[in-house]
């Protein structure tokens, strides 16, 4: 299976330029696996501060371009599709993200996903397999060019299967500051936060404050 990883090196991570609307936070690719970054596209999920970074088709296309599952040409083709179609497809994107969240988020807390969630993932894998083929010139796996937002997510679904079957689940962690999920690739498994400059810095400041109050 293809690996879609983003190196984590304890340095400042650039925020992805998505339209935040009235939200004042930022979104960064911190998951080190593409599917983890996909389910992390909701900030503060389940709280009053919840914000969906993929709340409009343009943001989703910008995200897909940033994680390199589409190129600029494909992004422009998707943008040119009727707005009503893109809106309907975005609803399906959100539903699919919810399915993948149910599979992967429990692993960040050392729990196993429910069997019905794995069954749903299997159904998704079966569906996207028809869009996967061996490139006759490169002799590598490739994906049929997507004609919709949901087809764009075929590599993301495949990556979810890779996470479940091939990765060390003990290295899948959640950030105590924001609850985003990431894969810890540090040599000694010491990564604690999504981003040292954001949640890591805030957590250290809070702990210092409480020590001073004692």
Protein backbone atom coordinates (compact mmCIF):
# COMPACT_ATOMS: atom_id res chain seq x y z
CA UNK A 1 0.00 0.00 0.00
CA UNK A 2 1.15 3.54 -0.71
CA UNK A 3 2.44 5.54 2.21
CA UNK A 4 1.46 9.18 2.51
CA UNK A 5 3.58 10.63 5.28
CA UNK A 6 4.59 14.11 6.33
CA UNK A 7 7.85 14.39 8.27
CA UNK A 8 7.59 15.67 11.83
CA UNK A 9 10.81 17.28 13.03
CA UNK A 10 9.82 19.34 16.09
CA UNK A 11 10.10 22.51 14.03
CA UNK A 12 7.42 25.07 13.17
CA UNK A 13 4.83 23.63 10.81
CA UNK A 14 3.27 25.93 8.25
CA UNK A 15 -0.48 26.26 8.45
CA UNK A 16 -2.47 25.22 5.40
CA UNK A 17 -4.11 28.17 3.66
CA UNK A 18 -7.77 27.23 3.95
CA UNK A 19 -10.57 29.77 4.27
CA UNK A 20 -11.34 29.81 8.02
CA UNK A 21 -14.49 31.91 7.79
CA UNK A 22 -15.01 33.51 11.20
CA UNK A 23 -12.82 30.91 12.92
CA UNK A 24 -9.54 32.24 14.29
CA UNK A 25 -7.52 29.03 14.51
CA UNK A 26 -5.22 27.34 12.01
CA UNK A 27 -5.05 23.94 10.34
CA UNK A 28 -1.79 22.04 9.91
CA UNK A 29 -0.82 18.68 8.44
CA UNK A 30 0.42 16.97 11.60
CA UNK A 31 -0.86 13.40 11.28
CA UNK A 32 2.13 11.90 9.42
CA UNK A 33 -0.41 9.75 7.56
CA UNK A 34 -2.80 11.24 5.05
CA UNK A 35 -5.92 9.65 6.52
CA UNK A 36 -5.09 10.96 9.98
CA UNK A 37 -4.78 14.47 8.53
CA UNK A 38 -8.15 13.94 6.86
CA UNK A 39 -9.97 13.08 10.08
CA UNK A 40 -8.10 15.95 11.77
CA UNK A 41 -9.82 18.40 9.44
CA UNK A 42 -12.32 19.16 12.21
CA UNK A 43 -10.93 21.24 15.07
CA UNK A 44 -12.25 20.72 18.62
CA UNK A 45 -14.68 18.05 17.49
CA UNK A 46 -17.69 17.61 19.76
CA UNK A 47 -17.14 20.90 21.61
CA UNK A 48 -18.66 24.36 21.33
CA UNK A 49 -15.49 25.46 19.50
CA UNK A 50 -15.90 22.84 16.76
CA UNK A 51 -14.85 24.02 13.30
CA UNK A 52 -14.92 22.06 10.04
CA UNK A 53 -12.01 23.05 7.81
CA UNK A 54 -13.60 21.27 4.86
CA UNK A 55 -16.86 23.19 5.10
CA UNK A 56 -16.76 24.31 1.47
CA UNK A 57 -15.68 22.59 -1.76
CA UNK A 58 -12.85 25.08 -2.37
CA UNK A 59 -11.28 24.19 0.99
CA UNK A 60 -11.53 20.47 0.27
CA UNK A 61 -9.90 20.88 -3.14
CA UNK A 62 -7.13 23.02 -1.60
CA UNK A 63 -6.59 20.30 1.03
CA UNK A 64 -6.44 17.53 -1.58
CA UNK A 65 -3.93 19.56 -3.58
CA UNK A 66 -1.79 20.20 -0.49
CA UNK A 67 -1.59 16.50 0.43
CA UNK A 68 -0.81 15.66 -3.22
CA UNK A 69 -3.65 13.32 -4.02
CA UNK A 70 -4.49 15.61 -6.95
CA UNK A 71 -2.42 17.98 -9.05
CA UNK A 72 -3.23 21.51 -10.19
CA UNK A 73 -4.87 20.33 -13.42
CA UNK A 74 -7.20 17.96 -11.58
CA UNK A 75 -7.94 20.64 -8.98
CA UNK A 76 -9.03 23.04 -11.73
CA UNK A 77 -11.24 20.37 -13.30
CA UNK A 78 -12.97 19.77 -9.98
CA UNK A 79 -13.44 23.51 -9.37
CA UNK A 80 -15.14 23.82 -12.76
CA UNK A 81 -17.89 21.35 -11.84
CA UNK A 82 -21.39 22.71 -11.08
CA UNK A 83 -21.65 24.23 -7.60
CA UNK A 84 -24.75 22.20 -6.76
CA UNK A 85 -22.93 18.95 -7.58
CA UNK A 86 -19.93 19.95 -5.49
CA UNK A 87 -22.16 20.72 -2.52
CA UNK A 88 -23.83 17.29 -2.69
CA UNK A 89 -20.45 15.60 -3.01
CA UNK A 90 -19.10 17.53 -0.04
CA UNK A 91 -21.86 16.06 2.12
CA UNK A 92 -20.61 12.61 1.06
CA UNK A 93 -17.05 13.65 1.90
CA UNK A 94 -18.18 14.53 5.41
CA UNK A 95 -19.99 11.20 5.80
CA UNK A 96 -16.93 9.31 4.61
CA UNK A 97 -14.72 11.27 7.02
CA UNK A 98 -17.06 10.29 9.86
CA UNK A 99 -16.71 6.62 8.88
CA UNK A 100 -12.91 6.85 8.89
CA UNK A 101 -12.93 8.77 12.17
CA UNK A 102 -14.81 5.92 13.83
CA UNK A 103 -12.18 3.47 12.59
CA UNK A 104 -9.02 5.42 13.43
CA UNK A 105 -9.74 7.75 16.34
CA UNK A 106 -10.13 4.96 18.94
CA UNK A 107 -6.58 3.81 18.15
CA UNK A 108 -5.26 7.12 19.48
CA UNK A 109 -6.57 6.16 22.91
CA UNK A 110 -5.37 2.57 22.80
CA UNK A 111 -8.79 1.19 21.95
CA UNK A 112 -9.92 -1.04 19.10
CA UNK A 113 -12.45 0.25 16.56
CA UNK A 114 -15.86 -1.34 16.60
CA UNK A 115 -16.33 -4.30 14.26
CA UNK A 116 -19.08 -2.49 12.38
CA UNK A 117 -16.62 0.34 11.64
CA UNK A 118 -14.17 -2.13 10.12
CA UNK A 119 -17.01 -3.65 8.13
CA UNK A 120 -17.80 -0.20 6.75
CA UNK A 121 -14.13 0.32 5.87
CA UNK A 122 -14.10 -3.02 4.04
CA UNK A 123 -17.08 -1.88 2.00
CA UNK A 124 -15.28 1.34 1.10
CA UNK A 125 -12.13 -0.56 0.10
CA UNK A 126 -14.16 -2.86 -2.13
CA UNK A 127 -15.79 0.14 -3.78
CA UNK A 128 -12.58 2.01 -4.55
CA UNK A 129 -10.67 -1.05 -5.74
CA UNK A 130 -12.28 -0.69 -9.16
CA UNK A 131 -10.49 2.66 -9.53
CA UNK A 132 -7.04 1.18 -8.91
CA UNK A 133 -4.80 -0.20 -11.66
CA UNK A 134 -1.17 -0.87 -12.59
CA UNK A 135 0.28 1.83 -14.81
CA UNK A 136 1.51 -0.04 -17.96
CA UNK A 137 4.46 2.33 -18.42
CA UNK A 138 5.60 2.91 -14.84
CA UNK A 139 4.63 -0.55 -13.55
CA UNK A 140 3.29 1.09 -10.40
CA UNK A 141 -0.09 1.28 -8.75
CA UNK A 142 -2.15 4.25 -9.90
CA UNK A 143 -5.66 5.63 -9.50
CA UNK A 144 -8.20 6.46 -12.15
CA UNK A 145 -8.51 10.22 -12.53
CA UNK A 146 -11.25 11.33 -10.10
CA UNK A 147 -14.43 12.83 -11.52
CA UNK A 148 -15.89 13.78 -8.13
CA UNK A 149 -14.78 14.90 -4.68
CA UNK A 150 -15.44 11.48 -3.18
CA UNK A 151 -13.40 9.70 -5.87
CA UNK A 152 -10.54 12.00 -4.93
CA UNK A 153 -10.49 10.27 -1.53
CA UNK A 154 -9.67 6.80 -2.86
CA UNK A 155 -5.99 7.03 -1.77
CA UNK A 156 -7.12 8.29 1.65
CA UNK A 157 -9.35 5.26 2.17
CA UNK A 158 -6.52 2.99 1.03
CA UNK A 159 -4.23 4.68 3.53
CA UNK A 160 -6.74 3.99 6.31
CA UNK A 161 -6.42 0.29 5.50
CA UNK A 162 -2.63 0.64 5.62
CA UNK A 163 -2.85 2.24 9.07
CA UNK A 164 -5.08 -0.54 10.38
CA UNK A 165 -3.14 -3.46 8.92
CA UNK A 166 0.50 -2.38 8.67
CA UNK A 167 1.35 0.23 11.29
CA UNK A 168 2.23 -0.12 14.96
CA UNK A 169 -0.96 0.96 16.72
CA UNK A 170 0.98 1.83 19.87
CA UNK A 171 2.47 4.75 17.93
CA UNK A 172 -0.92 6.18 17.01
CA UNK A 173 -1.53 8.89 19.58
CA UNK A 174 -3.84 11.78 20.30
CA UNK A 175 -2.70 15.27 21.19
CA UNK A 176 -3.76 16.11 24.78
CA UNK A 177 -4.17 19.73 23.76
CA UNK A 178 -6.56 19.43 20.81
CA UNK A 179 -7.35 15.69 20.47
CA UNK A 180 -6.00 15.48 16.92
CA UNK A 181 -4.50 12.10 16.00
CA UNK A 182 -0.95 11.55 14.75
CA UNK A 183 1.50 8.75 14.05
CA UNK A 184 4.60 9.04 16.21
CA UNK A 185 7.69 8.41 14.07
CA UNK A 186 10.22 9.60 16.63
CA UNK A 187 12.94 7.05 17.33
CA UNK A 188 11.98 6.54 20.98
CA UNK A 189 8.24 7.17 20.63
CA UNK A 190 8.44 10.42 22.61
CA UNK A 191 6.19 12.70 20.55
CA UNK A 192 3.44 14.13 22.78
CA UNK A 193 1.67 16.86 20.83
CA UNK A 194 0.33 17.59 17.37
CA UNK A 195 2.75 20.51 17.04
CA UNK A 196 5.35 21.61 19.56
CA UNK A 197 4.81 25.28 18.65
CA UNK A 198 1.05 25.15 19.26
CA UNK A 199 -0.32 22.61 21.71
CA UNK A 200 3.13 21.72 23.05
CA UNK A 201 3.95 25.32 23.92
CA UNK A 202 0.49 25.93 25.39
CA UNK A 203 0.66 22.79 27.51
CA UNK A 204 4.08 23.67 28.86
CA UNK A 205 2.92 27.20 29.69
CA UNK A 206 -0.08 25.84 31.60
CA UNK A 207 2.03 23.42 33.56
CA UNK A 208 4.48 26.18 34.43
CA UNK A 209 1.61 28.40 35.56
CA UNK A 210 0.19 25.71 37.86
CA UNK A 211 3.66 25.02 39.34
CA UNK A 212 4.02 28.69 40.14
CA UNK A 213 0.61 28.68 41.86
CA UNK A 214 1.54 25.79 44.12
